[in-house]
Amino acid sequence: MSPDEGIHPFVSLLPHLTTAFNGLSGVFLVVGFSSIKSKKIERHRNCMLSAFACSVIFLGLYLTRMAITGDHPYPEGTPGRTFYLCLLVSHVLLAMVVPVFALRTLYLGLKDRRDEHRKWGRITFPIWMYVSVTGVLVYWMLYHFAGVA
């Protein structure tokens, strides 16, 4: 029996929605990064705020799904399980620092403390980008490669 069986159809959409917001956050991060490189400060700010908003929505939807359905483990004996677990561990550990780093970086940027913002951004961006990309990979491996419902 699937963990999602017998519950509202919206719940079965949650993994797909969370992944969409995770991926969209990554898109905003890339566009925001390229915007600041081309000195388009307002677009950079808007993209980074949008990336943060997408991450917040992702987290809310993810926590809702976890509260309703619990864990969806990768099946034993399925190819790629070891890689999946390594990817998942790195994703989760780094995801725990993203909110702190992102909030600090956003705060410094909004306060126009550019030197500090730039220093934090050099750390925050690659970690946040990694978490966005690996979040999509974790989803794909669990729901499409391993076929978890």
N, C-alpha and C. Protein backbone atom coordinates (compact mmCIF):
# COMPACT_ATOMS: atom_id res chain seq x y z
N MET A 1 0.84 -1.18 0.00
CA MET A 1 0.00 0.00 0.00
C MET A 1 0.88 1.25 0.00
N SER A 2 0.59 2.17 -0.90
CA SER A 2 1.35 3.41 -1.01
C SER A 2 1.06 4.31 0.20
N PRO A 3 2.07 5.07 0.67
CA PRO A 3 1.83 5.98 1.80
C PRO A 3 0.76 7.03 1.48
N ASP A 4 0.57 7.33 0.19
CA ASP A 4 -0.38 8.37 -0.21
C ASP A 4 -1.78 7.83 -0.48
N GLU A 5 -1.96 6.50 -0.44
CA GLU A 5 -3.25 5.91 -0.76
C GLU A 5 -4.31 6.31 0.26
N GLY A 6 -5.50 6.58 -0.23
CA GLY A 6 -6.62 6.85 0.65
C GLY A 6 -6.65 8.26 1.22
N ILE A 7 -5.82 9.17 0.72
CA ILE A 7 -5.87 10.55 1.21
C ILE A 7 -6.21 11.47 0.05
N HIS A 8 -6.45 12.70 0.36
CA HIS A 8 -6.88 13.68 -0.64
C HIS A 8 -5.92 13.70 -1.83
N PRO A 9 -6.49 13.79 -3.06
CA PRO A 9 -5.63 13.79 -4.27
C PRO A 9 -4.57 14.89 -4.28
N PHE A 10 -4.84 16.01 -3.60
CA PHE A 10 -3.85 17.10 -3.55
C PHE A 10 -2.54 16.64 -2.93
N VAL A 11 -2.63 15.74 -1.96
CA VAL A 11 -1.43 15.27 -1.26
C VAL A 11 -0.49 14.56 -2.24
N SER A 12 -1.05 13.83 -3.20
CA SER A 12 -0.20 13.12 -4.17
C SER A 12 0.51 14.09 -5.10
N LEU A 13 0.03 15.33 -5.17
CA LEU A 13 0.70 16.35 -5.99
C LEU A 13 1.85 17.02 -5.25
N LEU A 14 1.89 16.90 -3.93
CA LEU A 14 2.88 17.63 -3.13
C LEU A 14 4.33 17.35 -3.53
N PRO A 15 4.72 16.09 -3.76
CA PRO A 15 6.12 15.88 -4.17
C PRO A 15 6.47 16.62 -5.47
N HIS A 16 5.52 16.66 -6.39
CA HIS A 16 5.77 17.33 -7.67
C HIS A 16 5.82 18.85 -7.49
N LEU A 17 4.93 19.37 -6.65
CA LEU A 17 4.93 20.81 -6.38
C LEU A 17 6.19 21.25 -5.64
N THR A 18 6.59 20.46 -4.65
CA THR A 18 7.80 20.83 -3.91
C THR A 18 9.01 20.86 -4.84
N THR A 19 9.07 19.89 -5.73
CA THR A 19 10.19 19.84 -6.67
C THR A 19 10.15 21.01 -7.63
N ALA A 20 8.95 21.38 -8.07
CA ALA A 20 8.82 22.54 -8.97
C ALA A 20 9.34 23.80 -8.28
N PHE A 21 8.97 24.00 -7.02
CA PHE A 21 9.44 25.19 -6.31
C PHE A 21 10.94 25.12 -6.02
N ASN A 22 11.45 23.94 -5.75
CA ASN A 22 12.89 23.77 -5.55
C ASN A 22 13.64 24.11 -6.83
N GLY A 23 13.17 23.58 -7.95
CA GLY A 23 13.80 23.86 -9.24
C GLY A 23 13.68 25.33 -9.63
N LEU A 24 12.51 25.91 -9.37
CA LEU A 24 12.30 27.32 -9.69
C LEU A 24 13.22 28.21 -8.86
N SER A 25 13.45 27.83 -7.62
CA SER A 25 14.40 28.55 -6.79
C SER A 25 15.78 28.54 -7.45
N GLY A 26 16.19 27.39 -7.95
CA GLY A 26 17.48 27.28 -8.65
C GLY A 26 17.54 28.16 -9.89
N VAL A 27 16.45 28.23 -10.64
CA VAL A 27 16.40 29.08 -11.83
C VAL A 27 16.57 30.55 -11.42
N PHE A 28 15.84 30.96 -10.38
CA PHE A 28 15.99 32.34 -9.91
C PHE A 28 17.40 32.62 -9.42
N LEU A 29 18.03 31.63 -8.79
CA LEU A 29 19.41 31.82 -8.33
C LEU A 29 20.35 32.06 -9.51
N VAL A 30 20.22 31.27 -10.56
CA VAL A 30 21.09 31.41 -11.73
C VAL A 30 20.86 32.76 -12.42
N VAL A 31 19.59 33.12 -12.60
CA VAL A 31 19.29 34.41 -13.25
C VAL A 31 19.77 35.56 -12.36
N GLY A 32 19.59 35.43 -11.05
CA GLY A 32 20.06 36.47 -10.13
C GLY A 32 21.57 36.61 -10.16
N PHE A 33 22.26 35.47 -10.22
CA PHE A 33 23.72 35.49 -10.29
C PHE A 33 24.19 36.16 -11.57
N SER A 34 23.58 35.78 -12.70
CA SER A 34 24.00 36.40 -13.97
C SER A 34 23.62 37.88 -14.00
N SER A 35 22.54 38.24 -13.31
CA SER A 35 22.14 39.65 -13.27
C SER A 35 23.16 40.51 -12.54
N ILE A 36 23.66 40.01 -11.42
CA ILE A 36 24.63 40.81 -10.68
C ILE A 36 25.96 40.89 -11.43
N LYS A 37 26.29 39.83 -12.17
CA LYS A 37 27.52 39.87 -12.97
C LYS A 37 27.43 40.92 -14.06
N SER A 38 26.20 41.19 -14.54
CA SER A 38 26.02 42.22 -15.58
C SER A 38 25.53 43.54 -14.97
N LYS A 39 25.71 43.66 -13.64
CA LYS A 39 25.43 44.90 -12.90
C LYS A 39 23.95 45.33 -12.95
N LYS A 40 23.05 44.37 -13.07
CA LYS A 40 21.61 44.65 -13.04
C LYS A 40 21.12 44.38 -11.62
N ILE A 41 21.35 45.36 -10.76
CA ILE A 41 21.15 45.18 -9.32
C ILE A 41 19.69 44.94 -8.96
N GLU A 42 18.78 45.69 -9.55
CA GLU A 42 17.36 45.52 -9.21
C GLU A 42 16.86 44.13 -9.62
N ARG A 43 17.25 43.68 -10.81
CA ARG A 43 16.85 42.33 -11.24
C ARG A 43 17.48 41.28 -10.34
N HIS A 44 18.74 41.48 -9.95
CA HIS A 44 19.41 40.57 -9.02
C HIS A 44 18.62 40.47 -7.72
N ARG A 45 18.28 41.62 -7.14
CA ARG A 45 17.52 41.64 -5.88
C ARG A 45 16.19 40.91 -6.04
N ASN A 46 15.47 41.20 -7.10
CA ASN A 46 14.16 40.57 -7.32
C ASN A 46 14.29 39.06 -7.50
N CYS A 47 15.31 38.62 -8.21
CA CYS A 47 15.51 37.18 -8.41
C CYS A 47 15.87 36.48 -7.10
N MET A 48 16.72 37.10 -6.32
CA MET A 48 17.11 36.47 -5.06
C MET A 48 15.96 36.43 -4.06
N LEU A 49 15.16 37.48 -4.03
CA LEU A 49 13.97 37.45 -3.18
C LEU A 49 12.98 36.39 -3.68
N SER A 50 12.87 36.25 -4.98
CA SER A 50 12.00 35.22 -5.55
C SER A 50 12.52 33.82 -5.26
N ALA A 51 13.83 33.64 -5.33
CA ALA A 51 14.43 32.34 -4.98
C ALA A 51 14.13 32.01 -3.53
N PHE A 52 14.25 33.00 -2.66
CA PHE A 52 13.97 32.77 -1.25
C PHE A 52 12.48 32.44 -1.04
N ALA A 53 11.60 33.17 -1.71
CA ALA A 53 10.16 32.90 -1.60
C ALA A 53 9.84 31.48 -2.07
N CYS A 54 10.45 31.07 -3.18
CA CYS A 54 10.23 29.70 -3.68
C CYS A 54 10.73 28.66 -2.67
N SER A 55 11.85 28.95 -2.04
CA SER A 55 12.39 28.03 -1.03
C SER A 55 11.48 27.94 0.19
N VAL A 56 10.90 29.07 0.58
CA VAL A 56 9.98 29.07 1.72
C VAL A 56 8.72 28.28 1.37
N ILE A 57 8.18 28.49 0.18
CA ILE A 57 7.00 27.73 -0.26
C ILE A 57 7.33 26.25 -0.32
N PHE A 58 8.51 25.93 -0.90
CA PHE A 58 8.96 24.53 -0.94
C PHE A 58 8.93 23.93 0.46
N LEU A 59 9.54 24.62 1.41
CA LEU A 59 9.65 24.08 2.77
C LEU A 59 8.27 23.86 3.39
N GLY A 60 7.38 24.80 3.21
CA GLY A 60 6.03 24.65 3.73
C GLY A 60 5.31 23.45 3.14
N LEU A 61 5.41 23.28 1.83
CA LEU A 61 4.77 22.13 1.16
C LEU A 61 5.44 20.83 1.57
N TYR A 62 6.76 20.83 1.67
CA TYR A 62 7.49 19.62 2.06
C TYR A 62 7.11 19.18 3.47
N LEU A 63 7.08 20.12 4.41
CA LEU A 63 6.73 19.79 5.78
C LEU A 63 5.28 19.31 5.88
N THR A 64 4.41 19.89 5.06
CA THR A 64 3.00 19.44 5.01
C THR A 64 2.94 17.99 4.54
N ARG A 65 3.65 17.69 3.46
CA ARG A 65 3.66 16.31 2.95
C ARG A 65 4.22 15.34 3.97
N MET A 66 5.31 15.72 4.61
CA MET A 66 5.92 14.84 5.60
C MET A 66 4.97 14.60 6.78
N ALA A 67 4.25 15.64 7.19
CA ALA A 67 3.31 15.49 8.31
C ALA A 67 2.16 14.57 7.94
N ILE A 68 1.75 14.58 6.68
CA ILE A 68 0.60 13.77 6.26
C ILE A 68 1.01 12.35 5.90
N THR A 69 2.11 12.19 5.16
CA THR A 69 2.45 10.87 4.61
C THR A 69 3.70 10.24 5.20
N GLY A 70 4.52 11.00 5.90
CA GLY A 70 5.75 10.45 6.46
C GLY A 70 6.81 10.24 5.39
N ASP A 71 7.82 9.46 5.75
CA ASP A 71 8.95 9.18 4.84
C ASP A 71 8.51 8.32 3.66
N HIS A 72 9.23 8.49 2.58
CA HIS A 72 9.07 7.63 1.41
C HIS A 72 10.46 7.06 1.11
N PRO A 73 10.82 5.95 1.75
CA PRO A 73 12.18 5.43 1.60
C PRO A 73 12.46 4.86 0.21
N TYR A 74 13.73 4.94 -0.16
CA TYR A 74 14.19 4.35 -1.42
C TYR A 74 14.17 2.83 -1.24
N PRO A 75 13.56 2.11 -2.15
CA PRO A 75 13.41 0.65 -1.96
C PRO A 75 14.74 -0.09 -1.88
N GLU A 76 14.83 -1.03 -0.94
CA GLU A 76 16.01 -1.91 -0.80
C GLU A 76 16.22 -2.66 -2.11
N GLY A 77 17.48 -2.85 -2.48
CA GLY A 77 17.81 -3.65 -3.65
C GLY A 77 17.59 -2.94 -4.98
N THR A 78 17.13 -1.71 -4.96
CA THR A 78 16.92 -0.96 -6.20
C THR A 78 18.25 -0.35 -6.64
N PRO A 79 18.56 -0.44 -7.93
CA PRO A 79 19.82 0.15 -8.42
C PRO A 79 19.91 1.63 -8.07
N GLY A 80 21.09 2.05 -7.72
CA GLY A 80 21.34 3.45 -7.42
C GLY A 80 21.05 3.85 -5.98
N ARG A 81 20.67 2.89 -5.14
CA ARG A 81 20.28 3.23 -3.76
C ARG A 81 21.43 3.87 -2.98
N THR A 82 22.63 3.33 -3.10
CA THR A 82 23.77 3.88 -2.37
C THR A 82 24.05 5.31 -2.83
N PHE A 83 24.04 5.54 -4.13
CA PHE A 83 24.25 6.89 -4.65
C PHE A 83 23.14 7.82 -4.14
N TYR A 84 21.89 7.35 -4.20
CA TYR A 84 20.76 8.13 -3.72
C TYR A 84 20.94 8.53 -2.25
N LEU A 85 21.33 7.58 -1.42
CA LEU A 85 21.48 7.87 0.01
C LEU A 85 22.60 8.87 0.27
N CYS A 86 23.71 8.75 -0.47
CA CYS A 86 24.80 9.73 -0.34
C CYS A 86 24.34 11.12 -0.78
N LEU A 87 23.64 11.15 -1.89
CA LEU A 87 23.11 12.42 -2.39
C LEU A 87 22.13 13.02 -1.39
N LEU A 88 21.25 12.19 -0.84
CA LEU A 88 20.26 12.65 0.12
C LEU A 88 20.91 13.21 1.38
N VAL A 89 21.92 12.52 1.90
CA VAL A 89 22.59 12.98 3.11
C VAL A 89 23.25 14.34 2.88
N SER A 90 23.97 14.48 1.77
CA SER A 90 24.62 15.77 1.49
C SER A 90 23.57 16.86 1.28
N HIS A 91 22.48 16.51 0.61
CA HIS A 91 21.40 17.47 0.36
C HIS A 91 20.79 17.95 1.69
N VAL A 92 20.45 17.02 2.56
CA VAL A 92 19.80 17.36 3.83
C VAL A 92 20.73 18.17 4.72
N LEU A 93 21.98 17.75 4.84
CA LEU A 93 22.92 18.48 5.70
C LEU A 93 23.12 19.92 5.24
N LEU A 94 23.29 20.10 3.94
CA LEU A 94 23.48 21.46 3.43
C LEU A 94 22.17 22.25 3.45
N ALA A 95 21.04 21.57 3.27
CA ALA A 95 19.74 22.26 3.32
C ALA A 95 19.49 22.87 4.69
N MET A 96 20.08 22.30 5.71
CA MET A 96 19.89 22.83 7.06
C MET A 96 20.57 24.18 7.26
N VAL A 97 21.61 24.47 6.50
CA VAL A 97 22.29 25.76 6.66
C VAL A 97 21.78 26.82 5.69
N VAL A 98 21.10 26.41 4.64
CA VAL A 98 20.65 27.38 3.64
C VAL A 98 19.77 28.48 4.24
N PRO A 99 18.77 28.17 5.08
CA PRO A 99 17.95 29.27 5.60
C PRO A 99 18.77 30.33 6.35
N VAL A 100 19.72 29.90 7.17
CA VAL A 100 20.54 30.84 7.94
C VAL A 100 21.41 31.66 6.99
N PHE A 101 22.08 30.99 6.08
CA PHE A 101 22.97 31.68 5.14
C PHE A 101 22.16 32.61 4.23
N ALA A 102 21.03 32.12 3.71
CA ALA A 102 20.23 32.93 2.80
C ALA A 102 19.67 34.16 3.50
N LEU A 103 19.15 33.97 4.71
CA LEU A 103 18.62 35.12 5.46
C LEU A 103 19.70 36.16 5.73
N ARG A 104 20.87 35.72 6.12
CA ARG A 104 21.97 36.65 6.40
C ARG A 104 22.40 37.39 5.13
N THR A 105 22.52 36.65 4.05
CA THR A 105 22.94 37.25 2.78
C THR A 105 21.89 38.24 2.28
N LEU A 106 20.62 37.86 2.35
CA LEU A 106 19.55 38.76 1.93
C LEU A 106 19.52 40.02 2.81
N TYR A 107 19.66 39.84 4.10
CA TYR A 107 19.66 40.97 5.03
C TYR A 107 20.76 41.97 4.66
N LEU A 108 21.95 41.46 4.46
CA LEU A 108 23.08 42.34 4.13
C LEU A 108 22.84 43.06 2.81
N GLY A 109 22.28 42.34 1.84
CA GLY A 109 22.00 42.97 0.55
C GLY A 109 20.94 44.05 0.67
N LEU A 110 19.88 43.77 1.41
CA LEU A 110 18.80 44.74 1.57
C LEU A 110 19.23 45.96 2.37
N LYS A 111 20.23 45.78 3.24
CA LYS A 111 20.77 46.90 4.02
C LYS A 111 21.90 47.61 3.27
N ASP A 112 22.15 47.18 2.04
CA ASP A 112 23.17 47.77 1.17
C ASP A 112 24.57 47.70 1.79
N ARG A 113 24.82 46.62 2.50
CA ARG A 113 26.16 46.37 3.05
C ARG A 113 26.87 45.44 2.05
N ARG A 114 27.26 46.02 0.95
CA ARG A 114 27.68 45.27 -0.23
C ARG A 114 28.91 44.38 -0.02
N ASP A 115 29.91 44.88 0.67
CA ASP A 115 31.11 44.06 0.86
C ASP A 115 30.79 42.79 1.64
N GLU A 116 30.05 42.95 2.75
CA GLU A 116 29.66 41.78 3.55
C GLU A 116 28.71 40.88 2.76
N HIS A 117 27.78 41.51 2.04
CA HIS A 117 26.82 40.76 1.22
C HIS A 117 27.56 39.90 0.20
N ARG A 118 28.56 40.49 -0.44
CA ARG A 118 29.34 39.77 -1.45
C ARG A 118 30.07 38.57 -0.83
N LYS A 119 30.66 38.78 0.35
CA LYS A 119 31.38 37.69 1.03
C LYS A 119 30.43 36.55 1.38
N TRP A 120 29.29 36.88 1.95
CA TRP A 120 28.31 35.84 2.31
C TRP A 120 27.74 35.18 1.06
N GLY A 121 27.53 35.99 0.01
CA GLY A 121 26.98 35.45 -1.23
C GLY A 121 27.89 34.42 -1.88
N ARG A 122 29.19 34.62 -1.74
CA ARG A 122 30.15 33.66 -2.32
C ARG A 122 30.06 32.29 -1.64
N ILE A 123 29.61 32.27 -0.41
CA ILE A 123 29.41 31.01 0.32
C ILE A 123 27.99 30.49 0.10
N THR A 124 27.03 31.40 0.22
CA THR A 124 25.62 31.02 0.16
C THR A 124 25.21 30.48 -1.21
N PHE A 125 25.60 31.18 -2.27
CA PHE A 125 25.15 30.81 -3.61
C PHE A 125 25.45 29.36 -3.98
N PRO A 126 26.71 28.89 -3.88
CA PRO A 126 26.96 27.51 -4.30
C PRO A 126 26.23 26.47 -3.43
N ILE A 127 26.10 26.76 -2.14
CA ILE A 127 25.41 25.80 -1.27
C ILE A 127 23.93 25.76 -1.61
N TRP A 128 23.33 26.93 -1.75
CA TRP A 128 21.90 27.02 -2.07
C TRP A 128 21.63 26.40 -3.43
N MET A 129 22.51 26.66 -4.39
CA MET A 129 22.36 26.08 -5.73
C MET A 129 22.47 24.56 -5.68
N TYR A 130 23.43 24.06 -4.92
CA TYR A 130 23.59 22.61 -4.75
C TYR A 130 22.33 21.99 -4.16
N VAL A 131 21.77 22.63 -3.15
CA VAL A 131 20.56 22.11 -2.50
C VAL A 131 19.39 22.12 -3.49
N SER A 132 19.27 23.15 -4.30
CA SER A 132 18.19 23.19 -5.29
C SER A 132 18.33 22.09 -6.33
N VAL A 133 19.53 21.93 -6.86
CA VAL A 133 19.77 20.92 -7.90
C VAL A 133 19.63 19.51 -7.34
N THR A 134 20.25 19.27 -6.18
CA THR A 134 20.17 17.90 -5.62
C THR A 134 18.76 17.58 -5.15
N GLY A 135 18.00 18.59 -4.76
CA GLY A 135 16.59 18.35 -4.40
C GLY A 135 15.81 17.79 -5.58
N VAL A 136 16.04 18.35 -6.75
CA VAL A 136 15.39 17.86 -7.95
C VAL A 136 15.89 16.45 -8.29
N LEU A 137 17.18 16.21 -8.15
CA LEU A 137 17.74 14.87 -8.41
C LEU A 137 17.20 13.82 -7.44
N VAL A 138 17.10 14.18 -6.17
CA VAL A 138 16.56 13.27 -5.16
C VAL A 138 15.12 12.90 -5.53
N TYR A 139 14.32 13.90 -5.90
CA TYR A 139 12.94 13.65 -6.33
C TYR A 139 12.92 12.71 -7.53
N TRP A 140 13.71 13.03 -8.55
CA TRP A 140 13.71 12.23 -9.77
C TRP A 140 14.11 10.78 -9.47
N MET A 141 15.15 10.61 -8.69
CA MET A 141 15.60 9.25 -8.38
C MET A 141 14.54 8.48 -7.59
N LEU A 142 13.89 9.13 -6.63
CA LEU A 142 12.92 8.43 -5.78
C LEU A 142 11.63 8.14 -6.53
N TYR A 143 11.09 9.12 -7.22
CA TYR A 143 9.76 8.97 -7.82
C TYR A 143 9.78 8.44 -9.24
N HIS A 144 10.86 8.65 -9.96
CA HIS A 144 10.87 8.22 -11.37
C HIS A 144 11.81 7.04 -11.60
N PHE A 145 13.00 7.08 -11.02
CA PHE A 145 13.95 5.99 -11.22
C PHE A 145 13.58 4.77 -10.36
N ALA A 146 13.32 5.00 -9.07
CA ALA A 146 12.98 3.89 -8.17
C ALA A 146 11.48 3.57 -8.18
N GLY A 147 10.68 4.49 -8.70
CA GLY A 147 9.25 4.24 -8.85
C GLY A 147 8.45 4.27 -7.55
N VAL A 148 8.88 5.02 -6.57
CA VAL A 148 8.10 5.16 -5.35
C VAL A 148 6.88 6.00 -5.66
N ALA A 149 5.74 5.54 -5.18
CA ALA A 149 4.48 6.25 -5.47
C ALA A 149 4.23 7.34 -4.44
